[in-house]
N, C-alpha and C. Protein backbone atom coordinates (compact mmCIF):
# COMPACT_ATOMS: atom_id res chain seq x y z
N MET A 1 0.75 -1.39 0.10
CA MET A 1 -0.12 0.17 -0.15
C MET A 1 0.47 1.13 -0.06
N ASP A 2 0.33 2.40 -0.69
CA ASP A 2 1.49 3.57 -0.61
C ASP A 2 1.22 4.19 0.71
N GLU A 3 2.32 4.63 0.97
CA GLU A 3 2.54 5.13 2.41
C GLU A 3 1.81 6.64 2.52
N THR A 4 1.72 7.38 1.51
CA THR A 4 1.08 8.76 1.56
C THR A 4 -0.10 8.55 1.42
N ILE A 5 -0.76 7.41 0.64
CA ILE A 5 -2.28 7.24 1.06
C ILE A 5 -2.67 6.84 2.46
N ALA A 6 -1.85 5.66 2.81
CA ALA A 6 -2.40 5.41 4.45
C ALA A 6 -2.37 6.36 5.64
N ARG A 7 -1.40 7.36 4.87
CA ARG A 7 -1.62 8.43 6.27
C ARG A 7 -2.58 9.72 5.67
N GLY A 8 -3.25 9.60 4.91
CA GLY A 8 -4.03 10.36 4.73
C GLY A 8 -3.64 11.69 3.64
N HIS A 9 -2.55 11.59 2.84
CA HIS A 9 -1.79 12.46 2.34
C HIS A 9 -2.22 12.40 0.87
N ALA A 10 -1.33 13.04 -0.15
CA ALA A 10 -1.65 13.36 -1.80
C ALA A 10 -2.21 12.36 -2.29
N GLY A 11 -3.40 12.41 -2.78
CA GLY A 11 -4.10 11.30 -3.81
C GLY A 11 -5.14 10.61 -3.14
N SER A 12 -5.06 10.83 -1.59
CA SER A 12 -6.18 9.77 -0.89
C SER A 12 -7.49 10.74 -0.49
N ASN A 13 -8.77 10.15 -0.09
CA ASN A 13 -10.15 10.61 0.39
C ASN A 13 -9.65 11.72 1.38
N PRO A 14 -10.22 13.14 1.36
CA PRO A 14 -10.32 14.05 2.41
C PRO A 14 -10.89 13.31 3.62
N ILE A 15 -10.08 13.51 4.68
CA ILE A 15 -10.64 13.31 6.02
C ILE A 15 -11.53 14.25 6.71
N THR A 16 -12.80 13.77 6.81
CA THR A 16 -13.74 14.92 7.22
C THR A 16 -13.72 15.36 8.94
N GLY A 17 -14.37 16.58 9.34
CA GLY A 17 -14.03 16.77 10.38
C GLY A 17 -14.68 15.80 11.39
N ALA A 18 -15.56 15.20 11.25
CA ALA A 18 -15.68 14.19 12.31
C ALA A 18 -15.04 12.75 12.23
N GLU A 19 -14.48 12.13 11.36
CA GLU A 19 -13.42 11.36 11.33
C GLU A 19 -12.06 12.30 12.22
N LYS A 20 -11.74 13.31 12.23
CA LYS A 20 -10.75 13.76 13.03
C LYS A 20 -10.78 13.61 14.32
N SER A 21 -11.91 14.37 14.72
CA SER A 21 -12.73 14.40 16.21
C SER A 21 -12.67 12.88 16.87
N LYS A 22 -13.12 12.40 16.06
CA LYS A 22 -13.61 10.93 16.77
C LYS A 22 -12.35 10.12 17.39
N LYS A 23 -12.32 9.93 18.84
CA LYS A 23 -11.20 9.31 19.38
C LYS A 23 -11.44 8.01 19.59
N VAL A 24 -10.46 7.22 19.57
CA VAL A 24 -10.60 5.65 19.99
C VAL A 24 -9.80 5.49 21.24
N TYR A 25 -9.93 4.80 22.21
CA TYR A 25 -9.14 4.53 23.35
C TYR A 25 -9.23 3.23 23.20
N GLU A 26 -7.76 2.49 23.38
CA GLU A 26 -7.87 1.19 23.72
C GLU A 26 -7.57 0.76 24.96
N VAL A 27 -8.49 -0.32 25.79
CA VAL A 27 -8.10 -0.48 26.83
C VAL A 27 -8.16 -2.11 26.88
N VAL A 28 -7.84 -2.81 27.97
CA VAL A 28 -7.61 -4.25 27.90
C VAL A 28 -8.52 -4.95 29.20
N VAL A 29 -9.42 -5.36 28.97
CA VAL A 29 -10.43 -5.92 29.86
C VAL A 29 -10.04 -7.48 30.09
N ASN A 30 -9.70 -7.85 30.97
CA ASN A 30 -9.31 -9.69 31.60
C ASN A 30 -8.43 -9.90 30.38
N GLY A 31 -7.42 -8.87 29.81
CA GLY A 31 -6.92 -9.68 28.76
C GLY A 31 -7.01 -9.45 27.29
N THR A 32 -8.35 -8.80 27.05
CA THR A 32 -8.97 -8.77 25.80
C THR A 32 -9.25 -7.46 25.46
N LEU A 33 -8.58 -6.94 24.31
CA LEU A 33 -8.50 -5.71 23.82
C LEU A 33 -9.77 -5.07 23.60
N ALA A 34 -10.40 -4.01 24.08
CA ALA A 34 -11.77 -3.58 23.84
C ALA A 34 -11.25 -1.86 23.48
N GLU A 35 -12.10 -1.53 22.32
CA GLU A 35 -12.19 -0.11 22.26
C GLU A 35 -13.41 0.41 22.60
N VAL A 36 -13.21 2.02 23.15
CA VAL A 36 -13.91 3.06 23.56
C VAL A 36 -13.85 4.30 23.00
N ASP A 37 -15.02 4.75 22.99
CA ASP A 37 -15.00 6.26 22.25
C ASP A 37 -14.71 7.33 23.43
N HIS A 38 -14.71 6.93 24.50
CA HIS A 38 -14.40 7.98 25.74
C HIS A 38 -13.45 7.95 26.39
N ASP A 39 -13.07 8.81 27.37
CA ASP A 39 -11.74 8.97 28.00
C ASP A 39 -12.19 8.37 29.66
N THR A 40 -13.55 8.81 29.87
CA THR A 40 -13.82 8.30 31.54
C THR A 40 -14.70 7.17 31.17
N LEU A 41 -14.66 5.59 31.93
CA LEU A 41 -15.03 4.60 31.95
C LEU A 41 -15.74 4.52 33.47
N THR A 42 -16.74 4.29 33.81
CA THR A 42 -17.70 4.14 35.04
C THR A 42 -17.32 2.43 35.35
N TYR A 43 -17.35 2.45 36.46
CA TYR A 43 -17.74 1.01 37.13
C TYR A 43 -18.64 -0.01 36.09
N ILE A 44 -19.93 0.82 36.13
CA ILE A 44 -20.95 -0.30 35.21
C ILE A 44 -20.15 -0.15 33.52
N GLU A 45 -19.93 0.73 33.20
CA GLU A 45 -19.15 0.52 31.89
C GLU A 45 -18.05 -0.75 31.66
N VAL A 46 -17.12 -0.32 32.93
CA VAL A 46 -16.27 -1.73 32.86
C VAL A 46 -16.83 -3.01 33.02
N GLY A 47 -17.74 -3.40 34.01
CA GLY A 47 -18.58 -4.65 34.18
C GLY A 47 -18.99 -5.16 32.74
N ASP A 48 -19.62 -3.91 32.01
CA ASP A 48 -20.29 -4.48 30.81
C ASP A 48 -19.37 -5.02 29.71
N LEU A 49 -18.07 -4.44 29.79
CA LEU A 49 -17.02 -4.72 28.78
C LEU A 49 -16.76 -6.23 28.90
N ALA A 50 -16.33 -6.27 30.59
CA ALA A 50 -15.93 -7.64 30.84
C ALA A 50 -17.05 -8.94 30.72
N PHE A 51 -18.35 -8.75 31.23
CA PHE A 51 -19.38 -9.70 31.27
C PHE A 51 -20.51 -8.95 30.34
N PRO A 52 -20.72 -8.75 29.17
CA PRO A 52 -22.00 -8.42 28.32
C PRO A 52 -22.81 -9.43 28.87
N GLY A 53 -24.01 -8.60 29.08
CA GLY A 53 -25.13 -9.49 29.55
C GLY A 53 -25.30 -9.90 30.91
N HIS A 54 -24.67 -9.23 31.68
CA HIS A 54 -24.67 -9.74 32.98
C HIS A 54 -26.04 -9.43 33.57
N ALA A 55 -26.15 -10.03 34.64
CA ALA A 55 -27.52 -9.94 35.58
C ALA A 55 -27.26 -8.44 36.02
N PRO A 56 -28.69 -7.81 36.05
CA PRO A 56 -28.51 -6.48 36.75
C PRO A 56 -28.01 -6.12 37.90
N GLU A 57 -28.22 -7.22 38.84
CA GLU A 57 -27.65 -6.86 40.21
C GLU A 57 -26.36 -7.54 40.43
N ALA A 58 -25.67 -7.85 39.09
CA ALA A 58 -24.00 -8.22 39.52
C ALA A 58 -23.29 -7.26 40.00
N GLN A 59 -22.30 -7.71 40.97
CA GLN A 59 -21.35 -6.84 41.53
C GLN A 59 -20.02 -7.53 40.83
N PHE A 60 -19.00 -6.56 40.59
CA PHE A 60 -17.49 -6.81 40.05
C PHE A 60 -16.73 -6.32 41.48
N ALA A 61 -15.42 -6.83 41.20
CA ALA A 61 -14.34 -6.40 41.90
C ALA A 61 -13.60 -5.92 40.60
N ILE A 62 -13.12 -4.76 40.48
CA ILE A 62 -12.14 -3.95 39.31
C ILE A 62 -11.22 -3.71 39.95
N THR A 63 -9.97 -3.85 39.52
CA THR A 63 -8.59 -3.22 39.51
C THR A 63 -8.16 -2.66 37.91
N TYR A 64 -7.47 -1.97 38.32
CA TYR A 64 -7.07 -1.13 37.01
C TYR A 64 -5.59 -0.53 37.25
N THR A 65 -4.86 -0.41 36.03
CA THR A 65 -3.15 -0.29 35.84
C THR A 65 -3.25 0.67 34.89
N HIS A 66 -2.27 1.83 34.71
CA HIS A 66 -1.73 2.40 33.58
C HIS A 66 -2.94 3.32 33.27
N ALA A 67 -3.70 3.61 34.19
CA ALA A 67 -4.83 4.95 34.09
C ALA A 67 -4.27 6.13 34.25
N ASP A 68 -4.91 7.32 33.75
CA ASP A 68 -4.29 8.65 33.74
C ASP A 68 -4.93 9.27 35.13
N GLY A 69 -4.06 8.95 36.29
CA GLY A 69 -4.33 9.52 37.55
C GLY A 69 -2.78 9.23 38.63
N PRO A 70 -3.13 9.37 39.70
CA PRO A 70 -1.98 9.45 40.97
C PRO A 70 -1.40 7.98 41.14
N ARG A 71 -0.73 7.81 41.90
CA ARG A 71 -0.21 6.77 42.11
C ARG A 71 -0.23 5.52 41.28
N GLY A 72 0.73 6.25 40.07
CA GLY A 72 0.64 5.26 38.43
C GLY A 72 -0.26 5.21 38.03
N GLY A 73 -1.67 5.46 38.14
CA GLY A 73 -2.66 5.24 37.28
C GLY A 73 -3.34 3.51 37.91
N THR A 74 -2.82 3.18 39.07
CA THR A 74 -3.23 2.19 39.45
C THR A 74 -4.08 1.96 40.75
N GLY A 75 -5.42 1.34 40.84
CA GLY A 75 -6.48 1.27 41.78
C GLY A 75 -7.62 0.25 41.83
N THR A 76 -8.31 0.41 42.47
CA THR A 76 -9.49 -0.24 42.35
C THR A 76 -10.81 0.93 42.11
N LEU A 77 -11.81 0.17 41.22
CA LEU A 77 -12.93 0.74 40.82
C LEU A 77 -13.94 0.54 41.57
N LEU A 78 -14.36 1.16 42.41
CA LEU A 78 -15.60 0.81 43.37
C LEU A 78 -17.30 1.45 42.73
N GLU A 79 -18.42 0.52 43.13
CA GLU A 79 -19.61 0.91 42.41
C GLU A 79 -19.92 2.61 42.59
N GLY A 80 -20.02 3.10 41.40
CA GLY A 80 -20.36 4.64 41.27
C GLY A 80 -19.32 5.28 41.05
N ASP A 81 -18.01 4.65 41.28
CA ASP A 81 -16.79 5.35 40.64
C ASP A 81 -16.70 5.27 39.10
N SER A 82 -15.74 6.28 38.88
CA SER A 82 -15.40 6.18 37.10
C SER A 82 -13.64 6.52 37.40
N VAL A 83 -13.06 6.13 36.30
CA VAL A 83 -11.44 6.23 36.18
C VAL A 83 -11.11 7.01 34.77
N THR A 84 -10.33 7.87 34.66
CA THR A 84 -10.02 8.44 33.29
C THR A 84 -8.98 7.65 32.69
N ILE A 85 -8.97 7.06 31.41
CA ILE A 85 -8.59 6.26 30.81
C ILE A 85 -7.09 6.90 29.74
N LYS A 86 -5.96 6.33 29.38
CA LYS A 86 -5.13 6.80 28.64
C LYS A 86 -5.73 6.24 26.96
N LYS A 87 -5.10 7.03 26.28
CA LYS A 87 -5.43 6.34 24.69
C LYS A 87 -4.90 5.22 24.27
N LYS A 88 -3.97 4.36 25.10
CA LYS A 88 -3.73 2.92 24.71
C LYS A 88 -3.06 2.73 26.14
N GLY A 89 -3.57 1.53 26.13
CA GLY A 89 -2.94 0.54 27.50
C GLY A 89 -3.21 0.58 28.85
N THR A 90 -4.40 1.18 29.25
CA THR A 90 -5.13 0.95 30.68
C THR A 90 -5.73 -0.49 30.78
N ARG A 91 -5.23 -1.08 31.65
CA ARG A 91 -5.92 -2.52 31.72
C ARG A 91 -6.65 -2.46 33.15
N PHE A 92 -7.60 -3.70 33.06
CA PHE A 92 -8.71 -3.95 34.04
C PHE A 92 -8.89 -5.37 34.35
N ASN A 93 -8.63 -5.77 35.18
CA ASN A 93 -9.03 -6.79 35.52
C ASN A 93 -10.37 -7.01 36.57
N VAL A 94 -11.36 -7.70 35.77
CA VAL A 94 -12.60 -7.82 36.39
C VAL A 94 -13.30 -9.14 36.75
N ARG A 95 -13.86 -9.44 37.90
CA ARG A 95 -14.38 -10.62 38.11
C ARG A 95 -15.77 -10.30 39.07
N LEU A 96 -16.31 -11.22 39.09
CA LEU A 96 -17.92 -10.99 39.35
C LEU A 96 -17.72 -11.45 41.13
N ALA A 97 -18.27 -10.90 41.59
CA ALA A 97 -18.03 -10.63 43.27
C ALA A 97 -19.36 -11.06 43.83
N ASN A 98 -19.42 -11.93 44.60
CA ASN A 98 -20.31 -12.59 45.66
C ASN A 98 -20.95 -11.81 46.49
N ARG A 99 -22.23 -11.54 46.47
CA ARG A 99 -22.90 -10.84 47.72
C ARG A 99 -22.61 -11.36 48.98
N SER A 100 -22.07 -10.67 50.41
CA SER A 100 -22.48 -11.59 51.25
C SER A 100 -23.14 -10.62 52.16
């Protein structure tokens, strides 16, 4: 493939404003790459990425690394919380938690 076309330069189709402004963030959830279109993920959104179609009453234990924040971007996401992610590399480990 011609490299100039791949980069959107001479001879390629023009890139529209909507395509330029659409951002894609790559996160890894339980070892699987996922793409999202916004830079802040909530507890529920991460749970949905990990376990699509889960029961509405499901609770999760969520830890993350390489996020955009203090302590190296490492922490625990609790119900009602959200975390700002990086463009690439934020990782989540999610497991279903039992209610006791």
